[in-house]
Amino acid sequence: MHAALRRKGPCVSRKRVERLMRSVGISGVLRRRRGRTTVRIPGVRTAPDLVERDFNPTASNEL
């Protein structure tokens, strides 16, 4: 909003634009940052599977 006003409108400060927008109840759009996925380091071993995960159990309540 402030950049558009600087290009086309009167000379106003960023803080004035923020204050006026807050008084009217509007806000700017915030860009979301994308989360970073796991980055594996070559040469580093993963933790051992101590419980021997079985994703196809034979019955309920079994490890």
N, C-alpha and C. Protein backbone atom coordinates (compact mmCIF):
# COMPACT_ATOMS: atom_id res chain seq x y z
N MET A 1 0.83 -1.17 0.00
CA MET A 1 0.00 0.00 0.00
C MET A 1 0.89 1.25 0.00
N HIS A 2 1.90 1.24 0.87
CA HIS A 2 2.78 2.39 0.97
C HIS A 2 3.53 2.62 -0.34
N ALA A 3 3.99 1.55 -0.97
CA ALA A 3 4.72 1.69 -2.23
C ALA A 3 3.83 2.25 -3.32
N ALA A 4 2.58 1.81 -3.36
CA ALA A 4 1.65 2.32 -4.38
C ALA A 4 1.37 3.80 -4.15
N LEU A 5 1.22 4.20 -2.91
CA LEU A 5 0.99 5.61 -2.63
C LEU A 5 2.20 6.46 -2.98
N ARG A 6 3.38 5.93 -2.78
CA ARG A 6 4.58 6.71 -3.12
C ARG A 6 4.68 6.95 -4.62
N ARG A 7 4.24 5.94 -5.41
CA ARG A 7 4.30 6.08 -6.86
C ARG A 7 3.24 7.04 -7.40
N LYS A 8 2.01 6.97 -6.85
CA LYS A 8 0.90 7.68 -7.47
C LYS A 8 0.34 8.83 -6.64
N GLY A 9 0.44 8.75 -5.34
CA GLY A 9 -0.26 9.70 -4.50
C GLY A 9 0.65 10.70 -3.82
N PRO A 10 0.12 11.30 -2.76
CA PRO A 10 0.91 12.28 -2.01
C PRO A 10 2.01 11.60 -1.21
N CYS A 11 2.94 12.40 -0.73
CA CYS A 11 4.06 11.89 0.04
C CYS A 11 3.60 11.58 1.47
N VAL A 12 3.55 10.30 1.81
CA VAL A 12 3.15 9.88 3.16
C VAL A 12 4.18 8.90 3.68
N SER A 13 4.31 8.85 5.00
CA SER A 13 5.28 7.93 5.59
C SER A 13 4.65 6.55 5.77
N ARG A 14 5.52 5.57 5.92
CA ARG A 14 5.07 4.18 6.10
C ARG A 14 4.27 4.04 7.39
N LYS A 15 4.70 4.72 8.45
CA LYS A 15 4.01 4.61 9.73
C LYS A 15 2.61 5.21 9.67
N ARG A 16 2.45 6.29 8.91
CA ARG A 16 1.12 6.89 8.77
C ARG A 16 0.18 5.94 8.04
N VAL A 17 0.70 5.31 6.99
CA VAL A 17 -0.11 4.35 6.23
C VAL A 17 -0.50 3.19 7.15
N GLU A 18 0.44 2.69 7.94
CA GLU A 18 0.13 1.60 8.88
C GLU A 18 -0.94 2.02 9.87
N ARG A 19 -0.82 3.22 10.42
CA ARG A 19 -1.78 3.69 11.41
C ARG A 19 -3.17 3.86 10.80
N LEU A 20 -3.25 4.42 9.59
CA LEU A 20 -4.54 4.61 8.94
C LEU A 20 -5.18 3.27 8.58
N MET A 21 -4.38 2.33 8.10
CA MET A 21 -4.91 1.01 7.76
C MET A 21 -5.42 0.30 9.01
N ARG A 22 -4.68 0.43 10.12
CA ARG A 22 -5.11 -0.19 11.37
C ARG A 22 -6.41 0.41 11.86
N SER A 23 -6.58 1.73 11.71
CA SER A 23 -7.81 2.38 12.18
C SER A 23 -9.02 1.95 11.35
N VAL A 24 -8.81 1.65 10.07
CA VAL A 24 -9.91 1.22 9.21
C VAL A 24 -10.16 -0.28 9.37
N GLY A 25 -9.15 -1.00 9.83
CA GLY A 25 -9.31 -2.44 10.05
C GLY A 25 -8.85 -3.30 8.89
N ILE A 26 -7.95 -2.79 8.07
CA ILE A 26 -7.41 -3.60 6.97
C ILE A 26 -5.94 -3.87 7.24
N SER A 27 -5.44 -4.95 6.63
CA SER A 27 -4.04 -5.29 6.80
C SER A 27 -3.49 -5.80 5.48
N GLY A 28 -2.21 -5.77 5.37
CA GLY A 28 -1.55 -6.25 4.16
C GLY A 28 -1.50 -7.77 4.14
N VAL A 29 -1.24 -8.31 2.97
CA VAL A 29 -1.14 -9.76 2.82
C VAL A 29 0.26 -10.17 3.22
N LEU A 30 0.37 -11.18 4.08
CA LEU A 30 1.66 -11.69 4.51
C LEU A 30 2.03 -12.89 3.66
N ARG A 31 3.23 -12.90 3.16
CA ARG A 31 3.70 -14.04 2.38
C ARG A 31 4.16 -15.12 3.32
N ARG A 32 3.73 -16.34 3.06
CA ARG A 32 4.12 -17.46 3.90
C ARG A 32 5.48 -17.98 3.47
N ARG A 33 6.27 -18.33 4.46
CA ARG A 33 7.55 -18.96 4.16
C ARG A 33 7.34 -20.47 4.11
N ARG A 34 7.92 -21.10 3.15
CA ARG A 34 7.80 -22.56 3.04
C ARG A 34 8.73 -23.21 4.03
N GLY A 35 8.24 -24.27 4.66
CA GLY A 35 9.07 -24.99 5.61
C GLY A 35 10.17 -25.76 4.92
N ARG A 36 11.27 -25.89 5.60
CA ARG A 36 12.40 -26.62 5.04
C ARG A 36 12.29 -28.09 5.43
N THR A 37 12.47 -28.96 4.47
CA THR A 37 12.40 -30.38 4.75
C THR A 37 13.71 -30.84 5.37
N THR A 38 13.76 -32.07 5.75
CA THR A 38 14.95 -32.64 6.38
C THR A 38 16.11 -32.64 5.40
N VAL A 39 17.23 -32.16 5.86
CA VAL A 39 18.44 -32.17 5.04
C VAL A 39 19.37 -33.21 5.63
N ARG A 40 19.64 -34.24 4.85
CA ARG A 40 20.51 -35.30 5.33
C ARG A 40 21.96 -34.93 5.09
N ILE A 41 22.78 -35.25 6.07
CA ILE A 41 24.21 -34.98 5.97
C ILE A 41 24.89 -36.27 5.54
N PRO A 42 25.63 -36.24 4.44
CA PRO A 42 26.27 -37.48 4.00
C PRO A 42 27.30 -37.96 5.02
N GLY A 43 27.31 -39.26 5.24
CA GLY A 43 28.27 -39.85 6.15
C GLY A 43 27.76 -39.99 7.58
N VAL A 44 26.61 -39.39 7.90
CA VAL A 44 26.05 -39.49 9.25
C VAL A 44 25.02 -40.61 9.25
N ARG A 45 25.18 -41.54 10.19
CA ARG A 45 24.25 -42.67 10.26
C ARG A 45 22.96 -42.26 10.94
N THR A 46 21.87 -42.91 10.56
CA THR A 46 20.59 -42.67 11.22
C THR A 46 20.54 -43.47 12.50
N ALA A 47 19.60 -43.14 13.37
CA ALA A 47 19.47 -43.85 14.64
C ALA A 47 19.02 -45.28 14.39
N PRO A 48 19.49 -46.22 15.19
CA PRO A 48 19.08 -47.62 14.99
C PRO A 48 17.62 -47.83 15.36
N ASP A 49 16.97 -48.79 14.69
CA ASP A 49 15.56 -49.10 14.93
C ASP A 49 15.48 -50.11 16.07
N LEU A 50 15.40 -49.61 17.30
CA LEU A 50 15.44 -50.48 18.47
C LEU A 50 14.15 -51.26 18.70
N VAL A 51 13.02 -50.77 18.22
CA VAL A 51 11.75 -51.46 18.45
C VAL A 51 11.33 -52.28 17.24
N GLU A 52 12.17 -52.30 16.21
CA GLU A 52 11.88 -53.06 14.99
C GLU A 52 10.47 -52.78 14.50
N ARG A 53 10.24 -51.57 14.05
CA ARG A 53 8.90 -51.12 13.66
C ARG A 53 8.30 -52.02 12.60
N ASP A 54 7.11 -52.49 12.88
CA ASP A 54 6.36 -53.32 11.95
C ASP A 54 5.06 -52.58 11.67
N PHE A 55 4.92 -52.08 10.46
CA PHE A 55 3.74 -51.29 10.13
C PHE A 55 2.56 -52.15 9.69
N ASN A 56 2.70 -53.46 9.75
CA ASN A 56 1.62 -54.39 9.44
C ASN A 56 1.46 -55.37 10.60
N PRO A 57 0.93 -54.91 11.74
CA PRO A 57 0.81 -55.82 12.89
C PRO A 57 -0.21 -56.92 12.63
N THR A 58 -0.02 -58.03 13.33
CA THR A 58 -0.93 -59.17 13.15
C THR A 58 -2.20 -59.00 13.97
N ALA A 59 -2.16 -58.26 15.07
CA ALA A 59 -3.35 -58.03 15.90
C ALA A 59 -3.26 -56.63 16.49
N SER A 60 -4.34 -56.21 17.14
CA SER A 60 -4.35 -54.87 17.72
C SER A 60 -3.52 -54.83 19.02
N ASN A 61 -3.07 -53.68 19.39
CA ASN A 61 -2.26 -53.44 20.60
C ASN A 61 -0.99 -54.26 20.63
N GLU A 62 -0.36 -54.41 19.48
CA GLU A 62 0.93 -55.08 19.42
C GLU A 62 1.96 -54.11 18.85
N LEU A 63 3.16 -54.27 19.31
CA LEU A 63 4.24 -53.42 18.83
C LEU A 63 4.70 -53.90 17.48
